Amino acid sequence: MWILATVLSLTPAFGFTSVAVAAPPKVVQIVIDKATFGDTPPGVLVGDTIEWINKDIFDHTATSKLGGWDVVVPAGKKARVVVQKAGTFEYFCKYHPNMTGKIVAAKRPK
C-alpha cells in the first residue's frame, strides 16, 4: 500500500494526469413476475446486457416497440439482449400487450 501511495503522490511532478477508466459492461436484470415487467435499474450503458428473468408459469416476450429486438422469455427461464445504442427504448410482451417496460441507456464513457 505504501508503494502505491508514493507513486500517486509523485505523478503530478512527472506531468501525468489521472485517467478515468470506464466500467466494464454489466448484466442488468429485469424480473418478470405476475405478468409484469419489473423496473429497469438505473445506469444502463451501451454494451451492457439486459437479462429478463421470467418467474411466471407461462412464456412472455420482450419486444422492442421500434423493432430493435424480440426475444422469447420462457416460463421459469431467462433471455438476454445486449444494448447496442444509447436512447430510451420501450418494449412490451407480444403475448400480453398490456405488459410494458422501458430501458434508458446512456453512452459508455471513454
N, C-alpha and C. Protein backbone atom coordinates (compact mmCIF):
# COMPACT_ATOMS: atom_id res chain seq x y z
N MET A 1 0.82 -1.19 0.00
CA MET A 1 0.00 0.00 0.00
C MET A 1 0.87 1.26 0.00
N TRP A 2 1.99 1.25 0.73
CA TRP A 2 2.84 2.42 0.80
C TRP A 2 3.40 2.76 -0.58
N ILE A 3 3.78 1.76 -1.36
CA ILE A 3 4.34 1.99 -2.70
C ILE A 3 3.31 2.66 -3.59
N LEU A 4 2.08 2.20 -3.56
CA LEU A 4 1.02 2.80 -4.37
C LEU A 4 0.81 4.26 -3.99
N ALA A 5 0.75 4.55 -2.70
CA ALA A 5 0.55 5.91 -2.24
C ALA A 5 1.70 6.81 -2.68
N THR A 6 2.93 6.30 -2.65
CA THR A 6 4.08 7.08 -3.07
C THR A 6 4.01 7.38 -4.55
N VAL A 7 3.68 6.40 -5.36
CA VAL A 7 3.59 6.61 -6.80
C VAL A 7 2.53 7.64 -7.13
N LEU A 8 1.39 7.54 -6.48
CA LEU A 8 0.32 8.50 -6.74
C LEU A 8 0.72 9.91 -6.33
N SER A 9 1.46 10.04 -5.25
CA SER A 9 1.85 11.38 -4.82
C SER A 9 2.93 11.97 -5.73
N LEU A 10 3.66 11.15 -6.45
CA LEU A 10 4.71 11.64 -7.32
C LEU A 10 4.22 11.95 -8.74
N THR A 11 3.11 11.42 -9.12
CA THR A 11 2.68 11.56 -10.51
C THR A 11 2.53 13.01 -10.98
N PRO A 12 2.03 13.96 -10.18
CA PRO A 12 1.95 15.33 -10.69
C PRO A 12 3.32 15.90 -11.05
N ALA A 13 4.37 15.52 -10.34
CA ALA A 13 5.71 16.04 -10.61
C ALA A 13 6.23 15.56 -11.97
N PHE A 14 5.73 14.44 -12.45
CA PHE A 14 6.18 13.89 -13.71
C PHE A 14 5.26 14.26 -14.87
N GLY A 15 4.25 15.07 -14.61
CA GLY A 15 3.37 15.53 -15.68
C GLY A 15 2.27 14.55 -16.08
N PHE A 16 2.02 13.55 -15.29
CA PHE A 16 0.95 12.60 -15.59
C PHE A 16 -0.37 13.17 -15.13
N THR A 17 -1.42 12.78 -15.79
CA THR A 17 -2.75 13.16 -15.36
C THR A 17 -3.54 11.89 -15.06
N SER A 18 -4.52 12.02 -14.20
CA SER A 18 -5.34 10.85 -13.89
C SER A 18 -6.29 10.59 -15.05
N VAL A 19 -6.56 9.33 -15.28
CA VAL A 19 -7.44 8.92 -16.36
C VAL A 19 -8.54 8.07 -15.77
N ALA A 20 -9.78 8.43 -16.06
CA ALA A 20 -10.91 7.62 -15.61
C ALA A 20 -11.04 6.41 -16.53
N VAL A 21 -11.21 5.27 -15.93
CA VAL A 21 -11.37 4.04 -16.69
C VAL A 21 -12.84 3.66 -16.63
N ALA A 22 -13.45 3.47 -17.81
CA ALA A 22 -14.86 3.12 -17.85
C ALA A 22 -15.07 1.73 -17.27
N ALA A 23 -16.18 1.58 -16.59
CA ALA A 23 -16.53 0.28 -16.02
C ALA A 23 -16.82 -0.70 -17.15
N PRO A 24 -16.48 -1.96 -16.96
CA PRO A 24 -16.77 -2.95 -18.00
C PRO A 24 -18.29 -3.16 -18.11
N PRO A 25 -18.75 -3.67 -19.24
CA PRO A 25 -20.18 -3.93 -19.39
C PRO A 25 -20.68 -4.85 -18.28
N LYS A 26 -21.94 -4.65 -17.90
CA LYS A 26 -22.53 -5.44 -16.83
C LYS A 26 -23.83 -6.09 -17.30
N VAL A 27 -24.35 -6.99 -16.49
CA VAL A 27 -25.64 -7.61 -16.75
C VAL A 27 -26.66 -6.91 -15.86
N VAL A 28 -27.71 -6.38 -16.49
CA VAL A 28 -28.78 -5.68 -15.79
C VAL A 28 -30.00 -6.60 -15.81
N GLN A 29 -30.51 -6.95 -14.65
CA GLN A 29 -31.62 -7.89 -14.58
C GLN A 29 -32.95 -7.20 -14.40
N ILE A 30 -33.94 -7.69 -15.15
CA ILE A 30 -35.32 -7.23 -15.05
C ILE A 30 -36.16 -8.48 -14.77
N VAL A 31 -36.86 -8.48 -13.66
CA VAL A 31 -37.66 -9.63 -13.27
C VAL A 31 -39.08 -9.49 -13.81
N ILE A 32 -39.57 -10.57 -14.39
CA ILE A 32 -40.97 -10.65 -14.83
C ILE A 32 -41.69 -11.50 -13.78
N ASP A 33 -42.73 -10.92 -13.17
CA ASP A 33 -43.47 -11.63 -12.13
C ASP A 33 -44.91 -11.15 -12.14
N LYS A 34 -45.84 -12.10 -12.08
CA LYS A 34 -47.27 -11.78 -12.09
C LYS A 34 -47.64 -10.96 -13.31
N ALA A 35 -47.12 -11.36 -14.47
CA ALA A 35 -47.40 -10.72 -15.76
C ALA A 35 -47.07 -9.23 -15.75
N THR A 36 -45.95 -8.90 -15.11
CA THR A 36 -45.48 -7.51 -15.05
C THR A 36 -43.96 -7.49 -15.20
N PHE A 37 -43.47 -6.56 -16.01
CA PHE A 37 -42.02 -6.32 -16.09
C PHE A 37 -41.62 -5.49 -14.88
N GLY A 38 -40.58 -5.92 -14.17
CA GLY A 38 -40.07 -5.11 -13.07
C GLY A 38 -39.37 -3.87 -13.61
N ASP A 39 -39.05 -2.97 -12.72
CA ASP A 39 -38.36 -1.74 -13.12
C ASP A 39 -36.96 -2.05 -13.62
N THR A 40 -36.51 -1.25 -14.57
CA THR A 40 -35.14 -1.35 -15.06
C THR A 40 -34.25 -0.54 -14.12
N PRO A 41 -33.21 -1.16 -13.57
CA PRO A 41 -32.31 -0.40 -12.70
C PRO A 41 -31.68 0.77 -13.47
N PRO A 42 -31.37 1.86 -12.79
CA PRO A 42 -30.72 2.99 -13.46
C PRO A 42 -29.28 2.65 -13.82
N GLY A 43 -28.71 3.45 -14.70
CA GLY A 43 -27.29 3.31 -15.02
C GLY A 43 -26.97 2.34 -16.14
N VAL A 44 -27.96 2.03 -16.99
CA VAL A 44 -27.70 1.15 -18.13
C VAL A 44 -26.86 1.90 -19.16
N LEU A 45 -25.81 1.23 -19.65
CA LEU A 45 -24.91 1.82 -20.64
C LEU A 45 -24.85 0.95 -21.89
N VAL A 46 -24.50 1.58 -23.01
CA VAL A 46 -24.30 0.83 -24.25
C VAL A 46 -23.27 -0.26 -23.98
N GLY A 47 -23.55 -1.47 -24.43
CA GLY A 47 -22.67 -2.60 -24.20
C GLY A 47 -23.11 -3.49 -23.05
N ASP A 48 -23.96 -2.96 -22.16
CA ASP A 48 -24.49 -3.76 -21.07
C ASP A 48 -25.46 -4.80 -21.64
N THR A 49 -25.67 -5.86 -20.89
CA THR A 49 -26.62 -6.90 -21.26
C THR A 49 -27.86 -6.78 -20.40
N ILE A 50 -29.02 -6.76 -21.04
CA ILE A 50 -30.29 -6.79 -20.32
C ILE A 50 -30.68 -8.26 -20.21
N GLU A 51 -30.98 -8.71 -19.01
CA GLU A 51 -31.40 -10.09 -18.79
C GLU A 51 -32.77 -10.08 -18.11
N TRP A 52 -33.76 -10.61 -18.83
CA TRP A 52 -35.09 -10.75 -18.27
C TRP A 52 -35.17 -12.11 -17.59
N ILE A 53 -35.69 -12.14 -16.38
CA ILE A 53 -35.87 -13.37 -15.61
C ILE A 53 -37.37 -13.58 -15.44
N ASN A 54 -37.90 -14.66 -16.04
CA ASN A 54 -39.33 -14.91 -16.03
C ASN A 54 -39.69 -15.82 -14.85
N LYS A 55 -40.34 -15.26 -13.85
CA LYS A 55 -40.77 -16.04 -12.69
C LYS A 55 -42.20 -16.55 -12.84
N ASP A 56 -42.84 -16.24 -13.96
CA ASP A 56 -44.21 -16.70 -14.20
C ASP A 56 -44.21 -18.15 -14.70
N ILE A 57 -45.41 -18.73 -14.75
CA ILE A 57 -45.55 -20.12 -15.21
C ILE A 57 -45.91 -20.19 -16.69
N PHE A 58 -45.87 -19.05 -17.38
CA PHE A 58 -46.12 -19.01 -18.81
C PHE A 58 -45.10 -18.12 -19.50
N ASP A 59 -44.94 -18.32 -20.80
CA ASP A 59 -43.95 -17.57 -21.58
C ASP A 59 -44.35 -16.11 -21.76
N HIS A 60 -43.33 -15.28 -21.96
CA HIS A 60 -43.52 -13.87 -22.30
C HIS A 60 -42.53 -13.54 -23.41
N THR A 61 -42.66 -12.36 -23.98
CA THR A 61 -41.63 -11.83 -24.87
C THR A 61 -41.20 -10.48 -24.32
N ALA A 62 -40.03 -10.06 -24.75
CA ALA A 62 -39.57 -8.68 -24.55
C ALA A 62 -39.33 -8.18 -25.97
N THR A 63 -40.27 -7.38 -26.45
CA THR A 63 -40.30 -6.98 -27.85
C THR A 63 -40.20 -5.46 -27.95
N SER A 64 -39.18 -4.99 -28.62
CA SER A 64 -38.98 -3.55 -28.79
C SER A 64 -40.11 -2.97 -29.63
N LYS A 65 -40.65 -1.84 -29.20
CA LYS A 65 -41.69 -1.16 -29.97
C LYS A 65 -41.14 -0.60 -31.28
N LEU A 66 -39.82 -0.39 -31.35
CA LEU A 66 -39.20 0.14 -32.57
C LEU A 66 -38.56 -0.95 -33.42
N GLY A 67 -38.71 -2.21 -33.03
CA GLY A 67 -38.17 -3.30 -33.82
C GLY A 67 -36.71 -3.62 -33.57
N GLY A 68 -36.12 -3.15 -32.49
CA GLY A 68 -34.72 -3.40 -32.21
C GLY A 68 -34.41 -4.81 -31.74
N TRP A 69 -35.35 -5.45 -31.05
CA TRP A 69 -35.17 -6.82 -30.58
C TRP A 69 -36.54 -7.44 -30.31
N ASP A 70 -36.56 -8.76 -30.29
CA ASP A 70 -37.77 -9.52 -29.99
C ASP A 70 -37.32 -10.87 -29.45
N VAL A 71 -37.35 -11.03 -28.13
CA VAL A 71 -36.89 -12.27 -27.52
C VAL A 71 -38.02 -12.93 -26.75
N VAL A 72 -38.04 -14.26 -26.82
CA VAL A 72 -38.98 -15.04 -26.02
C VAL A 72 -38.29 -15.34 -24.69
N VAL A 73 -39.05 -15.14 -23.60
CA VAL A 73 -38.55 -15.45 -22.27
C VAL A 73 -39.43 -16.59 -21.74
N PRO A 74 -38.97 -17.84 -21.90
CA PRO A 74 -39.80 -18.97 -21.49
C PRO A 74 -40.10 -18.96 -19.98
N ALA A 75 -41.19 -19.59 -19.62
CA ALA A 75 -41.57 -19.70 -18.21
C ALA A 75 -40.42 -20.28 -17.39
N GLY A 76 -40.08 -19.60 -16.30
CA GLY A 76 -39.02 -20.07 -15.42
C GLY A 76 -37.62 -19.95 -15.97
N LYS A 77 -37.44 -19.24 -17.07
CA LYS A 77 -36.13 -19.13 -17.72
C LYS A 77 -35.71 -17.66 -17.83
N LYS A 78 -34.58 -17.46 -18.53
CA LYS A 78 -34.01 -16.13 -18.76
C LYS A 78 -33.78 -15.92 -20.24
N ALA A 79 -33.72 -14.64 -20.65
CA ALA A 79 -33.34 -14.28 -22.01
C ALA A 79 -32.54 -12.99 -21.93
N ARG A 80 -31.63 -12.81 -22.90
CA ARG A 80 -30.73 -11.65 -22.87
C ARG A 80 -30.69 -10.91 -24.20
N VAL A 81 -30.39 -9.61 -24.09
CA VAL A 81 -30.15 -8.74 -25.24
C VAL A 81 -29.05 -7.77 -24.84
N VAL A 82 -28.11 -7.50 -25.74
CA VAL A 82 -27.05 -6.53 -25.49
C VAL A 82 -27.51 -5.17 -26.00
N VAL A 83 -27.34 -4.13 -25.19
CA VAL A 83 -27.72 -2.77 -25.57
C VAL A 83 -26.74 -2.28 -26.63
N GLN A 84 -27.27 -1.93 -27.81
CA GLN A 84 -26.44 -1.56 -28.95
C GLN A 84 -26.23 -0.05 -29.11
N LYS A 85 -27.18 0.76 -28.58
CA LYS A 85 -27.04 2.21 -28.74
C LYS A 85 -27.74 2.92 -27.59
N ALA A 86 -27.39 4.18 -27.42
CA ALA A 86 -27.99 4.99 -26.36
C ALA A 86 -29.39 5.44 -26.77
N GLY A 87 -30.23 5.63 -25.79
CA GLY A 87 -31.58 6.12 -26.04
C GLY A 87 -32.58 5.55 -25.06
N THR A 88 -33.85 5.86 -25.30
CA THR A 88 -34.94 5.33 -24.50
C THR A 88 -35.68 4.32 -25.35
N PHE A 89 -35.83 3.10 -24.83
CA PHE A 89 -36.40 2.01 -25.60
C PHE A 89 -37.59 1.41 -24.85
N GLU A 90 -38.76 1.57 -25.43
CA GLU A 90 -39.96 0.99 -24.84
C GLU A 90 -40.17 -0.39 -25.44
N TYR A 91 -40.67 -1.30 -24.61
CA TYR A 91 -40.90 -2.66 -25.08
C TYR A 91 -42.18 -3.20 -24.46
N PHE A 92 -42.63 -4.36 -24.96
CA PHE A 92 -43.86 -4.97 -24.48
C PHE A 92 -43.78 -6.48 -24.68
N CYS A 93 -44.78 -7.18 -24.17
CA CYS A 93 -44.90 -8.62 -24.38
C CYS A 93 -45.92 -8.86 -25.49
N LYS A 94 -45.51 -9.55 -26.55
CA LYS A 94 -46.44 -9.82 -27.67
C LYS A 94 -47.61 -10.69 -27.22
N TYR A 95 -47.39 -11.55 -26.25
CA TYR A 95 -48.45 -12.44 -25.77
C TYR A 95 -49.41 -11.74 -24.82
N HIS A 96 -48.92 -10.71 -24.15
CA HIS A 96 -49.71 -9.95 -23.16
C HIS A 96 -49.41 -8.46 -23.37
N PRO A 97 -50.02 -7.84 -24.38
CA PRO A 97 -49.66 -6.47 -24.78
C PRO A 97 -49.80 -5.42 -23.69
N ASN A 98 -50.54 -5.73 -22.62
CA ASN A 98 -50.65 -4.76 -21.52
C ASN A 98 -49.37 -4.70 -20.70
N MET A 99 -48.49 -5.68 -20.88
CA MET A 99 -47.19 -5.67 -20.19
C MET A 99 -46.23 -4.77 -20.96
N THR A 100 -45.74 -3.73 -20.32
CA THR A 100 -44.82 -2.81 -20.98
C THR A 100 -43.64 -2.50 -20.05
N GLY A 101 -42.55 -2.09 -20.67
CA GLY A 101 -41.37 -1.69 -19.93
C GLY A 101 -40.57 -0.66 -20.71
N LYS A 102 -39.56 -0.12 -20.06
CA LYS A 102 -38.73 0.91 -20.70
C LYS A 102 -37.30 0.77 -20.22
N ILE A 103 -36.37 0.89 -21.16
CA ILE A 103 -34.94 0.89 -20.85
C ILE A 103 -34.38 2.22 -21.29
N VAL A 104 -33.67 2.90 -20.42
CA VAL A 104 -32.97 4.14 -20.75
C VAL A 104 -31.49 3.83 -20.69
N ALA A 105 -30.82 3.95 -21.83
CA ALA A 105 -29.40 3.61 -21.91
C ALA A 105 -28.59 4.85 -22.33
N ALA A 106 -27.45 5.02 -21.69
CA ALA A 106 -26.56 6.14 -21.99
C ALA A 106 -25.31 5.62 -22.70
N LYS A 107 -24.59 6.53 -23.34
CA LYS A 107 -23.33 6.16 -23.96
C LYS A 107 -22.33 5.77 -22.88
N ARG A 108 -21.50 4.81 -23.19
CA ARG A 108 -20.46 4.37 -22.25
C ARG A 108 -19.33 5.41 -22.28
N PRO A 109 -18.92 5.90 -21.11
CA PRO A 109 -17.80 6.86 -21.07
C PRO A 109 -16.53 6.21 -21.63
N LYS A 110 -15.71 7.03 -22.26
CA LYS A 110 -14.45 6.51 -22.82
C LYS A 110 -13.32 6.73 -21.86
